[in-house]
PDB file of N, CA and C in Angstrom:
ATOM      1  N   UNK A   1     -86.815-132.320-147.343  1.00  0.00           N
ATOM      2  CA  UNK A   1     -86.931-131.603-146.017  1.00  0.00           C
ATOM      3  C   UNK A   1     -86.989-132.118-144.371  1.00  0.00           C
ATOM      4  N   UNK A   2     -86.524-131.326-143.483  1.00  0.00           N
ATOM      5  CA  UNK A   2     -86.747-132.014-142.521  1.00  0.00           C
ATOM      6  C   UNK A   2     -88.087-131.281-141.772  1.00  0.00           C
ATOM      7  N   UNK A   3     -88.349-132.151-140.533  1.00  0.00           N
ATOM      8  CA  UNK A   3     -89.588-132.080-139.816  1.00  0.00           C
ATOM      9  C   UNK A   3     -89.409-131.071-138.441  1.00  0.00           C
ATOM     10  N   UNK A   4     -90.873-130.541-138.525  1.00  0.00           N
ATOM     11  CA  UNK A   4     -90.199-129.206-137.327  1.00  0.00           C
ATOM     12  C   UNK A   4     -90.344-130.052-136.042  1.00  0.00           C
ATOM     13  N   UNK A   5     -89.409-129.474-134.998  1.00  0.00           N
ATOM     14  CA  UNK A   5     -89.355-129.898-133.996  1.00  0.00           C
ATOM     15  C   UNK A   5     -89.752-129.146-133.245  1.00  0.00           C
ATOM     16  N   UNK A   6     -90.043-129.741-131.743  1.00  0.00           N
ATOM     17  CA  UNK A   6     -90.838-128.997-130.502  1.00  0.00           C
ATOM     18  C   UNK A   6     -90.058-128.061-130.191  1.00  0.00           C
ATOM     19  N   UNK A   7     -89.161-127.236-130.133  1.00  0.00           N
ATOM     20  CA  UNK A   7     -88.289-126.932-129.393  1.00  0.00           C
ATOM     21  C   UNK A   7     -88.401-125.793-130.488  1.00  0.00           C
ATOM     22  N   UNK A   8     -88.036-125.835-131.774  1.00  0.00           N
ATOM     23  CA  UNK A   8     -87.791-124.630-133.134  1.00  0.00           C
ATOM     24  C   UNK A   8     -88.550-124.350-133.819  1.00  0.00           C
ATOM     25  N   UNK A   9     -89.798-125.318-133.598  1.00  0.00           N
ATOM     26  CA  UNK A   9     -90.772-125.381-134.667  1.00  0.00           C
ATOM     27  C   UNK A   9     -90.851-125.042-136.089  1.00  0.00           C
ATOM     28  N   UNK A  10     -91.245-123.905-136.679  1.00  0.00           N
ATOM     29  CA  UNK A  10     -91.235-123.554-138.299  1.00  0.00           C
ATOM     30  C   UNK A  10     -89.620-123.391-138.635  1.00  0.00           C
ATOM     31  N   UNK A  11     -88.722-123.183-137.394  1.00  0.00           N
ATOM     32  CA  UNK A  11     -87.124-122.679-138.101  1.00  0.00           C
ATOM     33  C   UNK A  11     -86.590-123.961-137.790  1.00  0.00           C
ATOM     34  N   UNK A  12     -86.907-125.423-137.852  1.00  0.00           N
ATOM     35  CA  UNK A  12     -86.053-126.547-137.959  1.00  0.00           C
ATOM     36  C   UNK A  12     -85.430-126.729-139.274  1.00  0.00           C
ATOM     37  N   UNK A  13     -86.067-126.159-140.161  1.00  0.00           N
ATOM     38  CA  UNK A  13     -85.700-126.666-141.557  1.00  0.00           C
ATOM     39  C   UNK A  13     -84.357-125.694-141.983  1.00  0.00           C
ATOM     40  N   UNK A  14     -84.271-124.907-140.768  1.00  0.00           N
ATOM     41  CA  UNK A  14     -82.797-123.852-140.783  1.00  0.00           C
ATOM     42  C   UNK A  14     -81.321-124.573-140.088  1.00  0.00           C
ATOM     43  N   UNK A  15     -82.113-125.875-139.236  1.00  0.00           N
ATOM     44  CA  UNK A  15     -80.845-126.328-138.851  1.00  0.00           C
ATOM     45  C   UNK A  15     -79.823-125.492-137.755  1.00  0.00           C
ATOM     46  N   UNK A  16     -78.365-125.603-138.123  1.00  0.00           N
ATOM     47  CA  UNK A  16     -77.793-124.865-137.346  1.00  0.00           C
ATOM     48  C   UNK A  16     -77.280-123.635-137.586  1.00  0.00           C
ATOM     49  N   UNK A  17     -78.153-123.385-139.061  1.00  0.00           N
ATOM     50  CA  UNK A  17     -77.531-122.148-139.484  1.00  0.00           C
ATOM     51  C   UNK A  17     -77.949-120.616-138.981  1.00  0.00           C
ATOM     52  N   UNK A  18     -77.568-119.306-139.378  1.00  0.00           N
ATOM     53  CA  UNK A  18     -78.329-118.133-139.170  1.00  0.00           C
ATOM     54  C   UNK A  18     -78.272-117.827-137.881  1.00  0.00           C
ATOM     55  N   UNK A  19     -77.963-118.386-136.965  1.00  0.00           N
ATOM     56  CA  UNK A  19     -78.441-117.752-135.282  1.00  0.00           C
ATOM     57  C   UNK A  19     -79.606-117.817-135.006  1.00  0.00           C
ATOM     58  N   UNK A  20     -79.585-117.784-133.477  1.00  0.00           N
ATOM     59  CA  UNK A  20     -80.903-117.247-132.814  1.00  0.00           C
ATOM     60  C   UNK A  20     -81.198-116.723-133.153  1.00  0.00           C
ATOM     61  N   UNK A  21     -81.026-115.570-132.944  1.00  0.00           N
ATOM     62  CA  UNK A  21     -81.856-114.042-133.135  1.00  0.00           C
ATOM     63  C   UNK A  21     -82.704-113.902-134.616  1.00  0.00           C
ATOM     64  N   UNK A  22     -81.774-114.662-135.759  1.00  0.00           N
ATOM     65  CA  UNK A  22     -82.577-114.318-136.623  1.00  0.00           C
ATOM     66  C   UNK A  22     -83.773-115.288-136.483  1.00  0.00           C
ATOM     67  N   UNK A  23     -83.704-116.679-136.577  1.00  0.00           N
ATOM     68  CA  UNK A  23     -84.641-118.055-136.200  1.00  0.00           C
ATOM     69  C   UNK A  23     -85.964-117.328-135.225  1.00  0.00           C
ATOM     70  N   UNK A  24     -85.658-116.326-134.294  1.00  0.00           N
ATOM     71  CA  UNK A  24     -86.793-116.127-133.189  1.00  0.00           C
ATOM     72  C   UNK A  24     -87.815-115.002-134.052  1.00  0.00           C
ATOM     73  N   UNK A  25     -86.624-113.794-134.728  1.00  0.00           N
ATOM     74  CA  UNK A  25     -87.618-113.059-135.810  1.00  0.00           C
ATOM     75  C   UNK A  25     -88.326-113.845-136.609  1.00  0.00           C
ATOM     76  N   UNK A  26     -88.069-114.498-137.501  1.00  0.00           N
ATOM     77  CA  UNK A  26     -88.744-115.385-138.716  1.00  0.00           C
ATOM     78  C   UNK A  26     -89.602-116.294-137.709  1.00  0.00           C
ATOM     79  N   UNK A  27     -90.053-116.443-136.423  1.00  0.00           N
ATOM     80  CA  UNK A  27     -90.735-117.639-136.236  1.00  0.00           C
ATOM     81  C   UNK A  27     -92.051-116.455-135.864  1.00  0.00           C
ATOM     82  N   UNK A  28     -91.696-115.322-135.485  1.00  0.00           N
ATOM     83  CA  UNK A  28     -92.850-114.257-134.780  1.00  0.00           C
ATOM     84  C   UNK A  28     -93.300-113.919-135.970  1.00  0.00           C
ATOM     85  N   UNK A  29     -92.985-113.668-137.170  1.00  0.00           N
ATOM     86  CA  UNK A  29     -93.425-113.305-138.306  1.00  0.00           C
ATOM     87  C   UNK A  29     -94.193-114.608-139.054  1.00  0.00           C
ATOM     88  N   UNK A  30     -93.977-115.724-139.173  1.00  0.00           N
ATOM     89  CA  UNK A  30     -94.522-116.613-139.617  1.00  0.00           C
ATOM     90  C   UNK A  30     -95.634-117.511-138.695  1.00  0.00           C
ATOM     91  N   UNK A  31     -95.861-116.924-137.521  1.00  0.00           N
ATOM     92  CA  UNK A  31     -97.035-117.094-136.286  1.00  0.00           C
ATOM     93  C   UNK A  31     -98.037-116.139-136.721  1.00  0.00           C
ATOM     94  N   UNK A  32     -97.278-114.835-136.805  1.00  0.00           N
ATOM     95  CA  UNK A  32     -98.420-114.074-137.527  1.00  0.00           C
ATOM     96  C   UNK A  32     -99.362-114.066-138.344  1.00  0.00           C
ATOM     97  N   UNK A  33     -98.511-114.859-139.844  1.00  0.00           N
ATOM     98  CA  UNK A  33     -98.913-115.044-141.054  1.00  0.00           C
ATOM     99  C   UNK A  33    -100.174-116.189-141.102  1.00  0.00           C
ATOM    100  N   UNK A  34    -100.009-117.148-140.266  1.00  0.00           N
ATOM    101  CA  UNK A  34    -100.084-118.319-140.347  1.00  0.00           C
ATOM    102  C   UNK A  34    -101.583-118.351-139.538  1.00  0.00           C
ATOM    103  N   UNK A  35    -101.250-117.927-138.410  1.00  0.00           N
ATOM    104  CA  UNK A  35    -103.011-117.567-137.557  1.00  0.00           C
ATOM    105  C   UNK A  35    -104.030-116.425-137.988  1.00  0.00           C
ATOM    106  N   UNK A  36    -105.011-117.196-138.492  1.00  0.00           N
ATOM    107  CA  UNK A  36    -106.019-116.137-138.555  1.00  0.00           C
ATOM    108  C   UNK A  36    -106.484-115.189-138.368  1.00  0.00           C
ATOM    109  N   UNK A  37    -106.852-113.979-138.307  1.00  0.00           N
ATOM    110  CA  UNK A  37    -107.000-112.520-138.055  1.00  0.00           C
ATOM    111  C   UNK A  37    -108.556-112.457-137.342  1.00  0.00           C
ATOM    112  N   UNK A  38    -108.984-111.608-136.679  1.00  0.00           N
ATOM    113  CA  UNK A  38    -110.462-111.531-136.544  1.00  0.00           C
ATOM    114  C   UNK A  38    -110.919-109.975-137.589  1.00  0.00           C
ATOM    115  N   UNK A  39    -111.821-110.528-138.106  1.00  0.00           N
ATOM    116  CA  UNK A  39    -112.706-110.012-138.937  1.00  0.00           C
ATOM    117  C   UNK A  39    -113.433-108.727-138.543  1.00  0.00           C
ATOM    118  N   UNK A  40    -113.137-107.523-138.873  1.00  0.00           N
ATOM    119  CA  UNK A  40    -114.110-106.514-138.591  1.00  0.00           C
ATOM    120  C   UNK A  40    -115.335-106.589-138.700  1.00  0.00           C
ATOM    121  N   UNK A  41    -115.746-106.759-140.284  1.00  0.00           N
ATOM    122  CA  UNK A  41    -117.189-106.590-140.723  1.00  0.00           C
ATOM    123  C   UNK A  41    -117.980-108.172-140.041  1.00  0.00           C
ATOM    124  N   UNK A  42    -117.760-109.156-139.824  1.00  0.00           N
ATOM    125  CA  UNK A  42    -118.418-110.315-139.532  1.00  0.00           C
ATOM    126  C   UNK A  42    -118.339-111.017-138.360  1.00  0.00           C
ATOM    127  N   UNK A  43    -117.202-110.954-137.742  1.00  0.00           N
ATOM    128  CA  UNK A  43    -116.501-111.109-136.353  1.00  0.00           C
ATOM    129  C   UNK A  43    -116.211-112.565-136.704  1.00  0.00           C
ATOM    130  N   UNK A  44    -116.071-112.832-137.501  1.00  0.00           N
ATOM    131  CA  UNK A  44    -115.402-114.493-137.350  1.00  0.00           C
ATOM    132  C   UNK A  44    -113.173-114.480-137.565  1.00  0.00           C
ATOM    133  N   UNK A  45    -112.870-115.087-137.337  1.00  0.00           N
ATOM    134  CA  UNK A  45    -111.423-115.190-137.518  1.00  0.00           C
ATOM    135  C   UNK A  45    -111.257-116.046-138.649  1.00  0.00           C
ATOM    136  N   UNK A  46    -111.463-115.556-139.481  1.00  0.00           N
ATOM    137  CA  UNK A  46    -111.366-116.225-140.832  1.00  0.00           C
ATOM    138  C   UNK A  46    -110.332-115.007-141.983  1.00  0.00           C
ATOM    139  N   UNK A  47    -109.931-114.132-141.626  1.00  0.00           N
ATOM    140  CA  UNK A  47    -108.892-113.301-142.641  1.00  0.00           C
ATOM    141  C   UNK A  47    -107.661-113.714-142.898  1.00  0.00           C
ATOM    142  N   UNK A  48    -107.032-114.140-144.132  1.00  0.00           N
ATOM    143  CA  UNK A  48    -105.851-114.783-144.158  1.00  0.00           C
ATOM    144  C   UNK A  48    -105.431-113.767-145.522  1.00  0.00           C
ATOM    145  N   UNK A  49    -103.897-113.687-145.939  1.00  0.00           N
ATOM    146  CA  UNK A  49    -102.931-112.774-146.502  1.00  0.00           C
ATOM    147  C   UNK A  49    -103.008-113.556-147.613  1.00  0.00           C
ATOM    148  N   UNK A  50    -103.300-112.305-148.673  1.00  0.00           N
ATOM    149  CA  UNK A  50    -103.605-112.480-150.055  1.00  0.00           C
ATOM    150  C   UNK A  50    -101.971-112.593-150.653  1.00  0.00           C
ATOM    151  N   UNK A  51    -101.634-111.015-150.535  1.00  0.00           N
ATOM    152  CA  UNK A  51    -100.384-110.782-151.510  1.00  0.00           C
ATOM    153  C   UNK A  51     -99.581-110.115-150.272  1.00  0.00           C
ATOM    154  N   UNK A  52     -99.104-109.500-150.331  1.00  0.00           N
ATOM    155  CA  UNK A  52     -98.190-108.343-149.388  1.00  0.00           C
ATOM    156  C   UNK A  52     -99.025-107.240-148.937  1.00  0.00           C
ATOM    157  N   UNK A  53     -99.830-107.614-147.454  1.00  0.00           N
ATOM    158  CA  UNK A  53    -100.406-106.191-146.980  1.00  0.00           C
ATOM    159  C   UNK A  53    -101.968-106.459-147.568  1.00  0.00           C
ATOM    160  N   UNK A  54    -102.459-107.498-148.135  1.00  0.00           N
ATOM    161  CA  UNK A  54    -104.050-107.708-148.452  1.00  0.00           C
ATOM    162  C   UNK A  54    -104.166-108.726-148.123  1.00  0.00           C
ATOM    163  N   UNK A  55    -105.303-108.513-147.573  1.00  0.00           N
ATOM    164  CA  UNK A  55    -106.003-109.548-146.824  1.00  0.00           C
ATOM    165  C   UNK A  55    -107.186-109.940-146.638  1.00  0.00           C
ATOM    166  N   UNK A  56    -107.649-110.867-146.857  1.00  0.00           N
ATOM    167  CA  UNK A  56    -108.897-110.892-147.157  1.00  0.00           C
ATOM    168  C   UNK A  56    -109.986-112.321-146.018  1.00  0.00           C
ATOM    169  N   UNK A  57    -111.358-111.911-146.123  1.00  0.00           N
ATOM    170  CA  UNK A  57    -112.036-112.697-145.212  1.00  0.00           C
ATOM    171  C   UNK A  57    -112.384-113.745-145.689  1.00  0.00           C
ATOM    172  N   UNK A  58    -112.902-115.193-145.579  1.00  0.00           N
ATOM    173  CA  UNK A  58    -113.585-116.085-146.465  1.00  0.00           C
ATOM    174  C   UNK A  58    -114.730-115.991-146.154  1.00  0.00           C
ATOM    175  N   UNK A  59    -115.596-115.697-144.776  1.00  0.00           N
ATOM    176  CA  UNK A  59    -117.007-115.506-145.119  1.00  0.00           C
ATOM    177  C   UNK A  59    -117.674-114.374-145.247  1.00  0.00           C
ATOM    178  N   UNK A  60    -117.172-113.679-145.821  1.00  0.00           N
ATOM    179  CA  UNK A  60    -117.672-111.846-145.572  1.00  0.00           C
ATOM    180  C   UNK A  60    -116.733-111.695-147.439  1.00  0.00           C
ATOM    181  N   UNK A  61    -115.744-111.839-147.515  1.00  0.00           N
ATOM    182  CA  UNK A  61    -115.254-111.805-148.954  1.00  0.00           C
ATOM    183  C   UNK A  61    -115.119-110.666-148.882  1.00  0.00           C
ATOM    184  N   UNK A  62    -114.798-109.730-148.051  1.00  0.00           N
ATOM    185  CA  UNK A  62    -114.066-108.454-147.788  1.00  0.00           C
ATOM    186  C   UNK A  62    -112.427-107.934-148.135  1.00  0.00           C
ATOM    187  N   UNK A  63    -112.105-107.274-148.725  1.00  0.00           N
ATOM    188  CA  UNK A  63    -110.740-107.026-148.729  1.00  0.00           C
ATOM    189  C   UNK A  63    -110.298-106.337-147.839  1.00  0.00           C
ATOM    190  N   UNK A  64    -108.585-105.958-147.388  1.00  0.00           N
ATOM    191  CA  UNK A  64    -108.744-105.682-146.449  1.00  0.00           C
ATOM    192  C   UNK A  64    -107.075-104.908-146.880  1.00  0.00           C
ATOM    193  N   UNK A  65    -107.115-103.801-146.698  1.00  0.00           N
ATOM    194  CA  UNK A  65    -105.174-103.503-146.926  1.00  0.00           C
ATOM    195  C   UNK A  65    -104.635-103.271-145.164  1.00  0.00           C
ATOM    196  N   UNK A  66    -103.614-103.729-145.110  1.00  0.00           N
ATOM    197  CA  UNK A  66    -102.898-103.634-143.911  1.00  0.00           C
ATOM    198  C   UNK A  66    -101.289-104.319-143.999  1.00  0.00           C
ATOM    199  N   UNK A  67    -100.541-104.410-142.788  1.00  0.00           N
ATOM    200  CA  UNK A  67     -99.601-104.526-142.514  1.00  0.00           C
ATOM    201  C   UNK A  67     -99.167-105.631-143.615  1.00  0.00           C
ATOM    202  N   UNK A  68     -97.860-105.998-143.846  1.00  0.00           N
ATOM    203  CA  UNK A  68     -97.023-107.348-144.539  1.00  0.00           C
ATOM    204  C   UNK A  68     -97.263-108.149-143.839  1.00  0.00           C
ATOM    205  N   UNK A  69     -96.545-108.796-142.305  1.00  0.00           N
ATOM    206  CA  UNK A  69     -97.203-109.756-141.719  1.00  0.00           C
ATOM    207  C   UNK A  69     -98.294-109.797-141.241  1.00  0.00           C
ATOM    208  N   UNK A  70     -99.393-108.559-140.612  1.00  0.00           N
ATOM    209  CA  UNK A  70     -99.738-108.768-139.615  1.00  0.00           C
ATOM    210  C   UNK A  70    -101.825-107.533-140.416  1.00  0.00           C
ATOM    211  N   UNK A  71    -102.128-107.948-140.004  1.00  0.00           N
ATOM    212  CA  UNK A  71    -103.450-107.012-140.700  1.00  0.00           C
ATOM    213  C   UNK A  71    -103.428-105.791-140.043  1.00  0.00           C
ATOM    214  N   UNK A  72    -103.294-105.409-138.601  1.00  0.00           N
ATOM    215  CA  UNK A  72    -102.882-104.267-138.274  1.00  0.00           C
ATOM    216  C   UNK A  72    -101.811-103.565-138.224  1.00  0.00           C
ATOM    217  N   UNK A  73    -100.823-103.155-138.830  1.00  0.00           N
ATOM    218  CA  UNK A  73     -99.857-102.764-138.873  1.00  0.00           C
ATOM    219  C   UNK A  73     -99.325-101.574-137.582  1.00  0.00           C
ATOM    220  N   UNK A  74     -98.072-101.514-136.795  1.00  0.00           N
ATOM    221  CA  UNK A  74     -97.965-100.616-135.731  1.00  0.00           C
ATOM    222  C   UNK A  74     -98.070 -99.036-136.292  1.00  0.00           C
ATOM    223  N   UNK A  75     -97.580 -99.034-137.239  1.00  0.00           N
ATOM    224  CA  UNK A  75     -98.045 -97.641-137.865  1.00  0.00           C
ATOM    225  C   UNK A  75     -99.567 -97.638-137.918  1.00  0.00           C
ATOM    226  N   UNK A  76    -100.261 -97.651-138.176  1.00  0.00           N
ATOM    227  CA  UNK A  76    -101.981 -97.950-138.543  1.00  0.00           C
ATOM    228  C   UNK A  76    -102.251 -97.530-136.870  1.00  0.00           C
ATOM    229  N   UNK A  77    -102.134 -98.351-136.088  1.00  0.00           N
ATOM    230  CA  UNK A  77    -101.717 -98.216-134.680  1.00  0.00           C
ATOM    231  C   UNK A  77    -102.184 -97.262-133.809  1.00  0.00           C
ATOM    232  N   UNK A  78    -100.822 -96.832-133.974  1.00  0.00           N
ATOM    233  CA  UNK A  78    -100.473 -95.622-133.708  1.00  0.00           C
ATOM    234  C   UNK A  78    -101.236 -93.972-133.998  1.00  0.00           C
ATOM    235  N   UNK A  79    -101.376 -94.441-135.138  1.00  0.00           N
ATOM    236  CA  UNK A  79    -102.143 -93.232-135.972  1.00  0.00           C
ATOM    237  C   UNK A  79    -104.045 -93.503-135.730  1.00  0.00           C
ATOM    238  N   UNK A  80    -104.279 -94.353-135.227  1.00  0.00           N
ATOM    239  CA  UNK A  80    -105.311 -94.807-134.594  1.00  0.00           C
ATOM    240  C   UNK A  80    -105.738 -94.005-133.287  1.00  0.00           C
ATOM    241  N   UNK A  81    -104.765 -94.027-132.092  1.00  0.00           N
ATOM    242  CA  UNK A  81    -104.895 -93.416-131.053  1.00  0.00           C
ATOM    243  C   UNK A  81    -104.709 -92.085-131.221  1.00  0.00           C
ATOM    244  N   UNK A  82    -104.019 -91.366-132.031  1.00  0.00           N
ATOM    245  CA  UNK A  82    -103.956 -89.896-132.431  1.00  0.00           C
ATOM    246  C   UNK A  82    -105.367 -89.278-132.175  1.00  0.00           C
TER     247      UNK A  82
END
């Protein structure tokens, strides 16, 4: 396994393959998965993804359903605004 570099971060493992746009999309998805989300119940940044679109707070043990890669999906945000 190659190590992550400063310029391409998590995409360094792909090397010169797959093109820059796909690597940028992969990087944005992985950053959203790695960062902890803010819990609406307890207010702590402790929500992590368990499975596809299932999220859990470590502190208050509450389970949420949301988007595949982010806690709040784009569809849910648009529906809340209506």
